[in-house]
Amino acid sequence: MSTPPTLTLPPCAGAYRLETARGSFAVHDARPVPEAGPVRGTALLVPGFTGSKEDFIALLEPLAAAGFRAVAVDGRGQHESGGPRDEAAYAQDELAQDVLAQAAALGGGRVHVLGHSLGGLIVRAAVLRDPAPFASVTLMSSGPAAISTPQQARTKLLLDALAVLDMESVWQAMRELDPPEAAESGTPADIREFLHRRWLGTVPEQLIATGRQLVSEPDRVAELAETPPPKHVLSGEADYAWPVPLMDAMAERLAAHRTVIAGADHSPNAERPRDTAQALSRFWQGVSVDG
């Protein structure tokens, strides 16, 4: 679970609902100021398992300052977007079609798409379905197939709990499993309250369906390598969901640009946002959005 360092949107960003051919999605949309020069491109930021658009708040201002419009989205069933109480609605292909619809609704030509963790698997499925809307693809802290064996075990425990308990009961059970020092980790009270509120706002069927994807995802790297958009694999120095050497190897298989963010773990977007934004803008600046 990503923990955003702040919940305050920068002045360059606004919150609204993006209307698409597949429904309405809650977004944070940051735009470069006119004085910064022409807009270099648009980026669509797709969050991971248990995540939301707030995970990208700290990236918005530096990306906009670099000339990029950055749009972070709550996917179907995540936080403020809402969704049906039906697991079939969260099949990976359904979520991939949502990403394609979001990209189309942003307008302005092809977009740079970034998927964090589970979001990387969803983005990959979207690109494999139709690569045309995408100027580039960044997989951030997202691997080639299912998550690591220890994380599969943890996810299966969560899925078992979600099958028999309500969301509040599962939240309390997760808190009891936290190490004692976690409560004193220095996370501000407003962030702790937000994490609780976000959890309760997420549709349980979305978590069940996407959790199953995380533990069973096949390796589709070879398929992705055949698609045209330039690719970028970005991670921290360590990662609990996919070992970093696995992401190194994936980048080689994709002939992708590779970035490792010093001092970051599974959420470089929240842990080292300035360095992450700089790495993203450097990559995007080298990609043509016209071809």
C-alpha atoms as a PDB file:
ATOM      1  CA  MET A   1       0.000   0.000   0.000  1.00  0.00           C
ATOM      2  CA  SER A   2       1.483   3.328  -1.062  1.00  0.00           C
ATOM      3  CA  THR A   3       1.434   6.069   1.553  1.00  0.00           C
ATOM      4  CA  PRO A   4       1.351   9.516  -0.057  1.00  0.00           C
ATOM      5  CA  PRO A   5       3.557  12.071   1.699  1.00  0.00           C
ATOM      6  CA  THR A   6       0.853  14.735   1.360  1.00  0.00           C
ATOM      7  CA  LEU A   7      -2.819  15.055   0.430  1.00  0.00           C
ATOM      8  CA  THR A   8      -2.563  18.690  -0.679  1.00  0.00           C
ATOM      9  CA  LEU A   9      -2.883  19.232  -4.403  1.00  0.00           C
ATOM     10  CA  PRO A  10      -0.374  21.717  -5.834  1.00  0.00           C
ATOM     11  CA  PRO A  11      -1.763  24.954  -7.339  1.00  0.00           C
ATOM     12  CA  CYS A  12      -1.254  23.575 -10.863  1.00  0.00           C
ATOM     13  CA  ALA A  13      -3.636  20.656 -10.245  1.00  0.00           C
ATOM     14  CA  GLY A  14      -7.369  20.188  -9.925  1.00  0.00           C
ATOM     15  CA  ALA A  15      -9.679  17.343  -8.932  1.00  0.00           C
ATOM     16  CA  TYR A  16     -12.677  16.412 -11.044  1.00  0.00           C
ATOM     17  CA  ARG A  17     -14.412  13.491 -12.729  1.00  0.00           C
ATOM     18  CA  LEU A  18     -13.160  12.483 -16.161  1.00  0.00           C
ATOM     19  CA  GLU A  19     -16.062  11.436 -18.375  1.00  0.00           C
ATOM     20  CA  THR A  20     -15.194   8.595 -20.729  1.00  0.00           C
ATOM     21  CA  ALA A  21     -16.953   6.138 -23.013  1.00  0.00           C
ATOM     22  CA  ARG A  22     -16.713   3.625 -20.171  1.00  0.00           C
ATOM     23  CA  GLY A  23     -17.944   5.780 -17.339  1.00  0.00           C
ATOM     24  CA  SER A  24     -16.755   8.490 -14.981  1.00  0.00           C
ATOM     25  CA  PHE A  25     -13.429   8.349 -13.125  1.00  0.00           C
ATOM     26  CA  ALA A  26     -12.080  10.550 -10.329  1.00  0.00           C
ATOM     27  CA  VAL A  27      -8.818  12.224 -11.376  1.00  0.00           C
ATOM     28  CA  HIS A  28      -6.176  14.716 -10.315  1.00  0.00           C
ATOM     29  CA  ASP A  29      -5.111  16.738 -13.347  1.00  0.00           C
ATOM     30  CA  ALA A  30      -1.940  18.863 -13.213  1.00  0.00           C
ATOM     31  CA  ARG A  31      -1.141  21.204 -16.088  1.00  0.00           C
ATOM     32  CA  PRO A  32       1.992  23.209 -16.881  1.00  0.00           C
ATOM     33  CA  VAL A  33       1.706  26.948 -16.422  1.00  0.00           C
ATOM     34  CA  PRO A  34       1.755  28.885 -19.728  1.00  0.00           C
ATOM     35  CA  GLU A  35       4.949  30.719 -18.730  1.00  0.00           C
ATOM     36  CA  ALA A  36       6.810  27.383 -18.710  1.00  0.00           C
ATOM     37  CA  GLY A  37       6.479  27.099 -22.475  1.00  0.00           C
ATOM     38  CA  PRO A  38       4.616  24.615 -24.676  1.00  0.00           C
ATOM     39  CA  VAL A  39       3.186  21.439 -23.175  1.00  0.00           C
ATOM     40  CA  ARG A  40       5.583  18.588 -23.915  1.00  0.00           C
ATOM     41  CA  GLY A  41       2.989  15.844 -23.566  1.00  0.00           C
ATOM     42  CA  THR A  42       0.313  14.241 -21.407  1.00  0.00           C
ATOM     43  CA  ALA A  43       0.868  11.416 -18.932  1.00  0.00           C
ATOM     44  CA  LEU A  44      -1.790   9.061 -17.555  1.00  0.00           C
ATOM     45  CA  LEU A  45      -0.843   7.642 -14.138  1.00  0.00           C
ATOM     46  CA  VAL A  46      -2.507   4.347 -13.135  1.00  0.00           C
ATOM     47  CA  PRO A  47      -2.284   3.255  -9.465  1.00  0.00           C
ATOM     48  CA  GLY A  48      -1.686  -0.170  -7.988  1.00  0.00           C
ATOM     49  CA  PHE A  49      -3.424  -2.652  -5.705  1.00  0.00           C
ATOM     50  CA  THR A  50      -5.157  -0.892  -2.779  1.00  0.00           C
ATOM     51  CA  GLY A  51      -3.954   2.382  -4.325  1.00  0.00           C
ATOM     52  CA  SER A  52      -5.495   5.555  -5.722  1.00  0.00           C
ATOM     53  CA  LYS A  53      -4.723   8.780  -7.553  1.00  0.00           C
ATOM     54  CA  GLU A  54      -3.371  10.283  -4.313  1.00  0.00           C
ATOM     55  CA  ASP A  55      -0.322   8.019  -4.598  1.00  0.00           C
ATOM     56  CA  PHE A  56       0.903  10.341  -7.368  1.00  0.00           C
ATOM     57  CA  ILE A  57       0.216  13.719  -5.707  1.00  0.00           C
ATOM     58  CA  ALA A  58       3.888  14.385  -5.014  1.00  0.00           C
ATOM     59  CA  LEU A  59       4.745  13.828  -8.710  1.00  0.00           C
ATOM     60  CA  LEU A  60       2.246  16.318 -10.079  1.00  0.00           C
ATOM     61  CA  GLU A  61       4.030  19.619  -9.504  1.00  0.00           C
ATOM     62  CA  PRO A  62       7.500  18.538 -10.704  1.00  0.00           C
ATOM     63  CA  LEU A  63       6.024  16.872 -13.789  1.00  0.00           C
ATOM     64  CA  ALA A  64       4.007  19.980 -14.617  1.00  0.00           C
ATOM     65  CA  ALA A  65       7.101  22.128 -14.052  1.00  0.00           C
ATOM     66  CA  ALA A  66       8.905  19.942 -16.606  1.00  0.00           C
ATOM     67  CA  GLY A  67       6.171  20.694 -19.145  1.00  0.00           C
ATOM     68  CA  PHE A  68       3.967  17.619 -18.823  1.00  0.00           C
ATOM     69  CA  ARG A  69       0.279  17.442 -18.122  1.00  0.00           C
ATOM     70  CA  ALA A  70      -0.059  14.660 -15.529  1.00  0.00           C
ATOM     71  CA  VAL A  71      -3.407  12.975 -14.883  1.00  0.00           C
ATOM     72  CA  ALA A  72      -3.667  10.492 -12.006  1.00  0.00           C
ATOM     73  CA  VAL A  73      -6.782   8.345 -11.922  1.00  0.00           C
ATOM     74  CA  ASP A  74      -8.799   6.230  -9.506  1.00  0.00           C
ATOM     75  CA  GLY A  75      -9.558   3.088 -11.474  1.00  0.00           C
ATOM     76  CA  ARG A  76     -12.906   1.386 -11.504  1.00  0.00           C
ATOM     77  CA  GLY A  77     -13.779   0.389  -7.927  1.00  0.00           C
ATOM     78  CA  GLN A  78     -10.878   2.360  -6.416  1.00  0.00           C
ATOM     79  CA  HIS A  79     -11.452   5.048  -3.805  1.00  0.00           C
ATOM     80  CA  GLU A  80     -13.591   7.821  -5.354  1.00  0.00           C
ATOM     81  CA  SER A  81     -14.392   6.263  -8.734  1.00  0.00           C
ATOM     82  CA  GLY A  82     -16.805   3.636  -7.462  1.00  0.00           C
ATOM     83  CA  GLY A  83     -17.862   0.487  -9.242  1.00  0.00           C
ATOM     84  CA  PRO A  84     -20.276  -2.457  -9.220  1.00  0.00           C
ATOM     85  CA  ARG A  85     -20.324  -5.218  -6.611  1.00  0.00           C
ATOM     86  CA  ASP A  86     -19.485  -7.802  -9.259  1.00  0.00           C
ATOM     87  CA  GLU A  87     -16.082  -9.437  -9.637  1.00  0.00           C
ATOM     88  CA  ALA A  88     -16.551  -9.822 -13.398  1.00  0.00           C
ATOM     89  CA  ALA A  89     -16.469  -6.021 -13.734  1.00  0.00           C
ATOM     90  CA  TYR A  90     -12.812  -6.077 -12.614  1.00  0.00           C
ATOM     91  CA  ALA A  91     -11.467  -8.680 -15.019  1.00  0.00           C
ATOM     92  CA  GLN A  92      -8.122  -7.471 -16.342  1.00  0.00           C
ATOM     93  CA  ASP A  93      -9.461  -6.894 -19.843  1.00  0.00           C
ATOM     94  CA  GLU A  94     -12.257  -4.716 -18.439  1.00  0.00           C
ATOM     95  CA  LEU A  95      -9.731  -2.592 -16.557  1.00  0.00           C
ATOM     96  CA  ALA A  96      -7.514  -2.412 -19.649  1.00  0.00           C
ATOM     97  CA  GLN A  97     -10.431  -1.092 -21.680  1.00  0.00           C
ATOM     98  CA  ASP A  98     -10.963   1.546 -18.984  1.00  0.00           C
ATOM     99  CA  VAL A  99      -7.364   2.733 -19.436  1.00  0.00           C
ATOM    100  CA  LEU A 100      -7.879   2.990 -23.193  1.00  0.00           C
ATOM    101  CA  ALA A 101     -11.059   5.008 -22.619  1.00  0.00           C
ATOM    102  CA  GLN A 102      -9.271   7.308 -20.166  1.00  0.00           C
ATOM    103  CA  ALA A 103      -6.457   7.927 -22.644  1.00  0.00           C
ATOM    104  CA  ALA A 104      -8.986   8.769 -25.350  1.00  0.00           C
ATOM    105  CA  ALA A 105     -10.918  11.122 -23.072  1.00  0.00           C
ATOM    106  CA  LEU A 106      -7.811  13.173 -22.292  1.00  0.00           C
ATOM    107  CA  GLY A 107      -7.579  14.329 -25.898  1.00  0.00           C
ATOM    108  CA  GLY A 108      -4.535  15.953 -27.449  1.00  0.00           C
ATOM    109  CA  GLY A 109      -3.021  12.922 -29.140  1.00  0.00           C
ATOM    110  CA  ARG A 110      -1.026  10.007 -27.798  1.00  0.00           C
ATOM    111  CA  VAL A 111      -0.270   9.850 -24.088  1.00  0.00           C
ATOM    112  CA  HIS A 112       2.575   8.550 -21.957  1.00  0.00           C
ATOM    113  CA  VAL A 113       1.056   5.860 -19.747  1.00  0.00           C
ATOM    114  CA  LEU A 114       2.518   4.777 -16.399  1.00  0.00           C
ATOM    115  CA  GLY A 115       1.305   1.854 -14.314  1.00  0.00           C
ATOM    116  CA  HIS A 116       2.419   1.327 -10.723  1.00  0.00           C
ATOM    117  CA  SER A 117       2.569  -2.278  -9.459  1.00  0.00           C
ATOM    118  CA  LEU A 118      -0.804  -3.880 -10.331  1.00  0.00           C
ATOM    119  CA  GLY A 119      -1.332  -0.810 -12.517  1.00  0.00           C
ATOM    120  CA  GLY A 120       1.617  -1.960 -14.602  1.00  0.00           C
ATOM    121  CA  LEU A 121      -0.115  -5.258 -15.354  1.00  0.00           C
ATOM    122  CA  ILE A 122      -3.294  -3.410 -16.313  1.00  0.00           C
ATOM    123  CA  VAL A 123      -1.381  -0.937 -18.491  1.00  0.00           C
ATOM    124  CA  ARG A 124       0.421  -3.823 -20.186  1.00  0.00           C
ATOM    125  CA  ALA A 125      -2.940  -5.418 -21.003  1.00  0.00           C
ATOM    126  CA  ALA A 126      -4.173  -2.098 -22.408  1.00  0.00           C
ATOM    127  CA  VAL A 127      -1.129  -1.702 -24.650  1.00  0.00           C
ATOM    128  CA  LEU A 128      -1.446  -5.290 -25.869  1.00  0.00           C
ATOM    129  CA  ARG A 129      -5.101  -4.632 -26.691  1.00  0.00           C
ATOM    130  CA  ASP A 130      -4.320  -1.416 -28.600  1.00  0.00           C
ATOM    131  CA  PRO A 131      -0.904   0.296 -28.545  1.00  0.00           C
ATOM    132  CA  ALA A 132      -1.974   3.165 -30.812  1.00  0.00           C
ATOM    133  CA  PRO A 133      -3.028   5.656 -28.076  1.00  0.00           C
ATOM    134  CA  PHE A 134       0.299   5.466 -26.251  1.00  0.00           C
ATOM    135  CA  ALA A 135       3.443   7.498 -26.875  1.00  0.00           C
ATOM    136  CA  SER A 136       5.347   5.446 -24.305  1.00  0.00           C
ATOM    137  CA  VAL A 137       4.845   2.876 -21.547  1.00  0.00           C
ATOM    138  CA  THR A 138       6.394   3.045 -18.064  1.00  0.00           C
ATOM    139  CA  LEU A 139       6.128   0.042 -15.761  1.00  0.00           C
ATOM    140  CA  MET A 140       6.916   1.267 -12.249  1.00  0.00           C
ATOM    141  CA  SER A 141       7.603  -1.336  -9.550  1.00  0.00           C
ATOM    142  CA  SER A 142       5.783  -3.865 -11.708  1.00  0.00           C
ATOM    143  CA  GLY A 143       7.174  -7.184 -12.838  1.00  0.00           C
ATOM    144  CA  PRO A 144       6.889  -9.681 -15.670  1.00  0.00           C
ATOM    145  CA  ALA A 145       4.353 -12.065 -14.125  1.00  0.00           C
ATOM    146  CA  ALA A 146       2.856 -12.931 -10.720  1.00  0.00           C
ATOM    147  CA  ILE A 147       4.161 -11.287  -7.557  1.00  0.00           C
ATOM    148  CA  SER A 148       6.815 -12.968  -5.396  1.00  0.00           C
ATOM    149  CA  THR A 149       5.935 -16.150  -3.488  1.00  0.00           C
ATOM    150  CA  PRO A 150       5.852 -14.473  -0.030  1.00  0.00           C
ATOM    151  CA  GLN A 151       3.573 -11.743  -1.385  1.00  0.00           C
ATOM    152  CA  GLN A 152       1.351 -14.337  -3.030  1.00  0.00           C
ATOM    153  CA  ALA A 153       0.861 -15.913   0.396  1.00  0.00           C
ATOM    154  CA  ARG A 154      -0.011 -12.560   1.981  1.00  0.00           C
ATOM    155  CA  THR A 155      -2.394 -11.692  -0.834  1.00  0.00           C
ATOM    156  CA  LYS A 156      -4.169 -15.042  -0.560  1.00  0.00           C
ATOM    157  CA  LEU A 157      -4.681 -14.414   3.161  1.00  0.00           C
ATOM    158  CA  LEU A 158      -6.245 -11.058   2.311  1.00  0.00           C
ATOM    159  CA  LEU A 159      -8.504 -12.649  -0.292  1.00  0.00           C
ATOM    160  CA  ASP A 160      -9.649 -15.248   2.247  1.00  0.00           C
ATOM    161  CA  ALA A 161     -10.453 -12.475   4.734  1.00  0.00           C
ATOM    162  CA  LEU A 162     -12.334 -10.405   2.164  1.00  0.00           C
ATOM    163  CA  ALA A 163     -14.509 -13.416   1.377  1.00  0.00           C
ATOM    164  CA  VAL A 164     -15.890 -13.604   4.925  1.00  0.00           C
ATOM    165  CA  LEU A 165     -15.396 -10.212   6.604  1.00  0.00           C
ATOM    166  CA  ASP A 166     -16.529  -6.652   5.919  1.00  0.00           C
ATOM    167  CA  MET A 167     -13.987  -4.024   4.920  1.00  0.00           C
ATOM    168  CA  GLU A 168     -13.738  -2.454   8.386  1.00  0.00           C
ATOM    169  CA  SER A 169     -13.075  -5.828  10.000  1.00  0.00           C
ATOM    170  CA  VAL A 170     -10.382  -6.621   7.448  1.00  0.00           C
ATOM    171  CA  TRP A 171      -8.790  -3.213   8.058  1.00  0.00           C
ATOM    172  CA  GLN A 172      -8.648  -3.808  11.789  1.00  0.00           C
ATOM    173  CA  ALA A 173      -7.205  -7.287  11.253  1.00  0.00           C
ATOM    174  CA  MET A 174      -4.474  -5.849   9.006  1.00  0.00           C
ATOM    175  CA  ARG A 175      -3.616  -3.250  11.638  1.00  0.00           C
ATOM    176  CA  GLU A 176      -3.231  -5.991  14.248  1.00  0.00           C
ATOM    177  CA  LEU A 177      -0.721  -7.730  11.977  1.00  0.00           C
ATOM    178  CA  ASP A 178       1.395  -4.586  11.670  1.00  0.00           C
ATOM    179  CA  PRO A 179       4.586  -4.564  13.732  1.00  0.00           C
ATOM    180  CA  PRO A 180       4.249  -2.493  16.946  1.00  0.00           C
ATOM    181  CA  GLU A 181       6.531   0.219  15.608  1.00  0.00           C
ATOM    182  CA  ALA A 182       4.256   0.790  12.595  1.00  0.00           C
ATOM    183  CA  ALA A 183       1.807   2.794  14.691  1.00  0.00           C
ATOM    184  CA  GLU A 184       4.645   5.089  15.705  1.00  0.00           C
ATOM    185  CA  SER A 185       6.159   5.377  12.239  1.00  0.00           C
ATOM    186  CA  GLY A 186       5.615   9.112  12.054  1.00  0.00           C
ATOM    187  CA  THR A 187       2.791   8.966   9.510  1.00  0.00           C
ATOM    188  CA  PRO A 188       0.685  12.097  10.139  1.00  0.00           C
ATOM    189  CA  ALA A 189      -2.802  11.612  11.504  1.00  0.00           C
ATOM    190  CA  ASP A 190      -4.460  12.993   8.359  1.00  0.00           C
ATOM    191  CA  ILE A 191      -2.592  10.485   6.178  1.00  0.00           C
ATOM    192  CA  ARG A 192      -3.539   7.603   8.498  1.00  0.00           C
ATOM    193  CA  GLU A 193      -7.173   8.709   8.343  1.00  0.00           C
ATOM    194  CA  PHE A 194      -7.000   8.951   4.567  1.00  0.00           C
ATOM    195  CA  LEU A 195      -5.573   5.424   4.225  1.00  0.00           C
ATOM    196  CA  HIS A 196      -8.464   4.116   6.319  1.00  0.00           C
ATOM    197  CA  ARG A 197     -11.033   6.114   4.324  1.00  0.00           C
ATOM    198  CA  ARG A 198      -9.539   4.984   1.017  1.00  0.00           C
ATOM    199  CA  TRP A 199      -9.664   1.358   2.097  1.00  0.00           C
ATOM    200  CA  LEU A 200     -13.326   1.645   3.063  1.00  0.00           C
ATOM    201  CA  GLY A 201     -14.089   3.391  -0.230  1.00  0.00           C
ATOM    202  CA  THR A 202     -12.584   0.616  -2.344  1.00  0.00           C
ATOM    203  CA  VAL A 203     -15.014  -1.987  -3.688  1.00  0.00           C
ATOM    204  CA  PRO A 204     -14.142  -5.375  -2.127  1.00  0.00           C
ATOM    205  CA  GLU A 205     -14.877  -7.237  -5.352  1.00  0.00           C
ATOM    206  CA  GLN A 206     -12.274  -5.065  -7.059  1.00  0.00           C
ATOM    207  CA  LEU A 207      -9.674  -6.139  -4.500  1.00  0.00           C
ATOM    208  CA  ILE A 208     -10.667  -9.793  -4.810  1.00  0.00           C
ATOM    209  CA  ALA A 209     -10.525  -9.803  -8.606  1.00  0.00           C
ATOM    210  CA  THR A 210      -7.279  -7.844  -8.887  1.00  0.00           C
ATOM    211  CA  GLY A 211      -5.669  -9.758  -6.016  1.00  0.00           C
ATOM    212  CA  ARG A 212      -6.258 -12.943  -7.973  1.00  0.00           C
ATOM    213  CA  GLN A 213      -4.595 -11.326 -10.964  1.00  0.00           C
ATOM    214  CA  LEU A 214      -1.518 -10.520  -8.891  1.00  0.00           C
ATOM    215  CA  VAL A 215      -1.057 -14.153  -7.831  1.00  0.00           C
ATOM    216  CA  SER A 216      -1.756 -15.697 -11.237  1.00  0.00           C
ATOM    217  CA  GLU A 217      -0.521 -13.222 -13.887  1.00  0.00           C
ATOM    218  CA  PRO A 218       1.308 -14.969 -16.746  1.00  0.00           C
ATOM    219  CA  ASP A 219       4.542 -13.680 -18.251  1.00  0.00           C
ATOM    220  CA  ARG A 220       3.571 -11.513 -21.243  1.00  0.00           C
ATOM    221  CA  VAL A 221       6.854  -9.671 -21.657  1.00  0.00           C
ATOM    222  CA  ALA A 222       7.565 -11.129 -25.092  1.00  0.00           C
ATOM    223  CA  GLU A 223       4.168  -9.925 -26.315  1.00  0.00           C
ATOM    224  CA  LEU A 224       4.768  -6.422 -24.947  1.00  0.00           C
ATOM    225  CA  ALA A 225       8.222  -6.302 -26.530  1.00  0.00           C
ATOM    226  CA  GLU A 226       6.571  -6.650 -29.945  1.00  0.00           C
ATOM    227  CA  THR A 227       4.506  -3.470 -29.496  1.00  0.00           C
ATOM    228  CA  PRO A 228       5.768  -0.121 -30.883  1.00  0.00           C
ATOM    229  CA  PRO A 229       5.710   2.289 -27.881  1.00  0.00           C
ATOM    230  CA  PRO A 230       9.086   2.989 -26.232  1.00  0.00           C
ATOM    231  CA  LYS A 231       9.297   1.318 -22.848  1.00  0.00           C
ATOM    232  CA  HIS A 232      10.657   2.299 -19.437  1.00  0.00           C
ATOM    233  CA  VAL A 233      11.099   0.076 -16.386  1.00  0.00           C
ATOM    234  CA  LEU A 234      11.422   2.106 -13.185  1.00  0.00           C
ATOM    235  CA  SER A 235      11.799   0.807  -9.629  1.00  0.00           C
ATOM    236  CA  GLY A 236      13.354   1.474  -6.262  1.00  0.00           C
ATOM    237  CA  GLU A 237      16.547  -0.159  -5.030  1.00  0.00           C
ATOM    238  CA  ALA A 238      14.506  -2.870  -3.309  1.00  0.00           C
ATOM    239  CA  ASP A 239      11.029  -4.240  -3.857  1.00  0.00           C
ATOM    240  CA  TYR A 240       8.921  -6.700  -1.886  1.00  0.00           C
ATOM    241  CA  ALA A 241       6.465  -7.481  -4.703  1.00  0.00           C
ATOM    242  CA  TRP A 242       8.933  -8.289  -7.506  1.00  0.00           C
ATOM    243  CA  PRO A 243      12.679  -8.742  -6.881  1.00  0.00           C
ATOM    244  CA  VAL A 244      14.687  -5.960  -8.496  1.00  0.00           C
ATOM    245  CA  PRO A 245      16.854  -8.413 -10.533  1.00  0.00           C
ATOM    246  CA  LEU A 246      13.615  -9.713 -12.065  1.00  0.00           C
ATOM    247  CA  MET A 247      12.752  -6.183 -13.187  1.00  0.00           C
ATOM    248  CA  ASP A 248      16.306  -5.733 -14.504  1.00  0.00           C
ATOM    249  CA  ALA A 249      15.857  -8.838 -16.649  1.00  0.00           C
ATOM    250  CA  MET A 250      12.423  -7.678 -17.799  1.00  0.00           C
ATOM    251  CA  ALA A 251      13.899  -4.375 -18.953  1.00  0.00           C
ATOM    252  CA  GLU A 252      16.489  -6.232 -21.014  1.00  0.00           C
ATOM    253  CA  ARG A 253      13.817  -8.416 -22.594  1.00  0.00           C
ATOM    254  CA  LEU A 254      11.816  -5.287 -23.478  1.00  0.00           C
ATOM    255  CA  ALA A 255      14.871  -3.357 -24.695  1.00  0.00           C
ATOM    256  CA  ALA A 256      13.530  -0.764 -22.279  1.00  0.00           C
ATOM    257  CA  HIS A 257      15.072   2.269 -20.655  1.00  0.00           C
ATOM    258  CA  ARG A 258      15.884   1.281 -17.032  1.00  0.00           C
ATOM    259  CA  THR A 259      15.830   3.551 -13.969  1.00  0.00           C
ATOM    260  CA  VAL A 260      16.542   2.601 -10.358  1.00  0.00           C
ATOM    261  CA  ILE A 261      15.600   5.293  -7.837  1.00  0.00           C
ATOM    262  CA  ALA A 262      18.102   5.445  -4.983  1.00  0.00           C
ATOM    263  CA  GLY A 263      16.593   5.242  -1.516  1.00  0.00           C
ATOM    264  CA  ALA A 264      13.211   4.017  -2.769  1.00  0.00           C
ATOM    265  CA  ASP A 265      11.355   0.748  -2.276  1.00  0.00           C
ATOM    266  CA  HIS A 266       8.058  -0.304  -3.873  1.00  0.00           C
ATOM    267  CA  SER A 267       6.649   3.229  -4.220  1.00  0.00           C
ATOM    268  CA  PRO A 268       9.256   5.611  -5.703  1.00  0.00           C
ATOM    269  CA  ASN A 269       6.376   7.948  -6.581  1.00  0.00           C
ATOM    270  CA  ALA A 270       5.711   8.516  -2.861  1.00  0.00           C
ATOM    271  CA  GLU A 271       9.140   7.793  -1.358  1.00  0.00           C
ATOM    272  CA  ARG A 272      11.392   9.773  -3.741  1.00  0.00           C
ATOM    273  CA  PRO A 273       8.960  11.829  -5.849  1.00  0.00           C
ATOM    274  CA  ARG A 274      11.389  14.503  -7.070  1.00  0.00           C
ATOM    275  CA  ASP A 275      13.916  11.954  -8.326  1.00  0.00           C
ATOM    276  CA  THR A 276      11.122   9.882  -9.839  1.00  0.00           C
ATOM    277  CA  ALA A 277       9.571  12.859 -11.621  1.00  0.00           C
ATOM    278  CA  GLN A 278      12.977  13.859 -12.969  1.00  0.00           C
ATOM    279  CA  ALA A 279      13.576  10.343 -14.329  1.00  0.00           C
ATOM    280  CA  LEU A 280      10.134  10.253 -15.942  1.00  0.00           C
ATOM    281  CA  SER A 281      10.438  13.674 -17.554  1.00  0.00           C
ATOM    282  CA  ARG A 282      13.893  12.818 -18.935  1.00  0.00           C
ATOM    283  CA  PHE A 283      12.519   9.665 -20.519  1.00  0.00           C
ATOM    284  CA  TRP A 284       9.400  11.356 -21.897  1.00  0.00           C
ATOM    285  CA  GLN A 285      11.420  14.250 -23.342  1.00  0.00           C
ATOM    286  CA  GLY A 286      13.257  11.752 -25.500  1.00  0.00           C
ATOM    287  CA  VAL A 287      10.043  10.247 -26.907  1.00  0.00           C
ATOM    288  CA  SER A 288       8.156  11.644 -29.873  1.00  0.00           C
ATOM    289  CA  VAL A 289       4.392  11.914 -29.396  1.00  0.00           C
ATOM    290  CA  ASP A 290       3.797  12.547 -33.099  1.00  0.00           C
ATOM    291  CA  GLY A 291       4.986   9.303 -34.680  1.00  0.00           C
END
